[in-house]
Amino acid sequence: MPEVIIKYKDNKALKVLEAIADYLDISISQRQVARTTSSINGVPVLESDKSIDVSSLGKIFTGRKINARELRTKSWQRRK
């Protein structure tokens, strides 16, 4: 049987899809996508979420004259 995956943001859309599915004799099954977690040095790292608004982070770096190279060399040094 062919399968289609539909992603929706609003539960109202799901109700409409369920109503259409009844009319067209289509079955709907819901699956939750499990988030995978990993850890780096004991700190849990989650998958990214596209709904997070990172625009507020611009206030932190605005006017500080920091470029990416300087940030990597000073802040993200790896210990060997």
Protein backbone atom coordinates (compact mmCIF):
# COMPACT_ATOMS: atom_id res chain seq x y z
CA MET A 1 0.00 0.00 0.00
CA PRO A 2 1.44 3.45 -0.89
CA GLU A 3 2.23 5.77 2.00
CA VAL A 4 2.26 9.56 2.24
CA ILE A 5 3.72 11.62 5.08
CA ILE A 6 2.04 14.96 5.77
CA LYS A 7 3.55 17.43 8.22
CA TYR A 8 1.29 20.00 9.85
CA LYS A 9 1.72 22.72 12.45
CA ASP A 10 -1.85 23.26 13.61
CA ASN A 11 -4.21 20.64 15.04
CA LYS A 12 -7.03 22.19 13.00
CA ALA A 13 -5.27 20.92 9.88
CA LEU A 14 -5.28 17.41 11.33
CA LYS A 15 -9.03 17.57 11.93
CA VAL A 16 -9.60 18.65 8.32
CA LEU A 17 -7.36 15.83 7.07
CA GLU A 18 -9.27 13.31 9.19
CA ALA A 19 -12.56 14.52 7.72
CA ILE A 20 -11.20 14.21 4.18
CA ALA A 21 -9.77 10.77 4.99
CA ASP A 22 -13.20 9.51 6.06
CA TYR A 23 -14.71 10.75 2.82
CA LEU A 24 -11.97 9.20 0.63
CA ASP A 25 -11.66 5.98 2.67
CA ILE A 26 -8.04 6.69 3.63
CA SER A 27 -6.50 5.59 6.92
CA ILE A 28 -4.47 7.98 9.07
CA SER A 29 -1.85 6.86 11.55
CA GLN A 30 0.09 9.27 13.71
CA ARG A 31 3.74 8.73 14.49
CA GLN A 32 5.80 10.71 16.91
CA VAL A 33 9.35 11.33 15.76
CA ALA A 34 11.68 10.50 18.61
CA ARG A 35 14.41 13.01 19.28
CA THR A 36 17.82 11.49 19.57
CA THR A 37 20.13 12.65 22.30
CA SER A 38 23.84 12.26 22.51
CA SER A 39 26.34 13.58 24.98
CA ILE A 40 29.69 15.29 24.75
CA ASN A 41 31.76 15.08 27.92
CA GLY A 42 28.61 14.25 29.88
CA VAL A 43 26.62 17.22 28.52
CA PRO A 44 23.45 16.15 26.67
CA VAL A 45 23.13 17.48 23.11
CA LEU A 46 19.68 17.53 21.47
CA GLU A 47 18.78 17.70 17.80
CA SER A 48 18.20 21.19 16.48
CA ASP A 49 14.70 22.56 16.31
CA LYS A 50 13.78 24.83 13.38
CA SER A 51 11.15 26.62 15.44
CA ILE A 52 13.75 28.26 17.69
CA ASP A 53 14.18 31.97 16.97
CA VAL A 54 17.88 32.85 17.12
CA SER A 55 17.42 36.49 16.11
CA SER A 56 17.60 37.56 19.76
CA LEU A 57 21.20 36.30 19.89
CA GLY A 58 22.25 39.15 17.59
CA LYS A 59 21.97 41.56 20.52
CA ILE A 60 24.78 39.73 22.31
CA PHE A 61 27.34 40.18 19.53
CA THR A 62 26.23 43.53 18.06
CA GLY A 63 28.81 46.29 18.49
CA ARG A 64 31.52 44.06 19.94
CA LYS A 65 33.68 43.86 16.80
CA ILE A 66 34.04 40.07 17.05
CA ASN A 67 34.53 38.05 13.90
CA ALA A 68 34.13 34.30 13.47
CA ARG A 69 37.87 33.57 13.39
CA GLU A 70 38.50 35.45 16.63
CA LEU A 71 35.56 33.71 18.31
CA ARG A 72 36.83 30.26 17.29
CA THR A 73 40.42 30.87 18.38
CA LYS A 74 39.62 32.44 21.76
CA SER A 75 36.48 30.65 22.89
CA TRP A 76 36.38 27.23 21.25
CA GLN A 77 39.83 25.88 21.95
CA ARG A 78 40.07 22.12 22.30
CA ARG A 79 42.20 20.62 25.00
CA LYS A 80 44.57 17.92 23.84
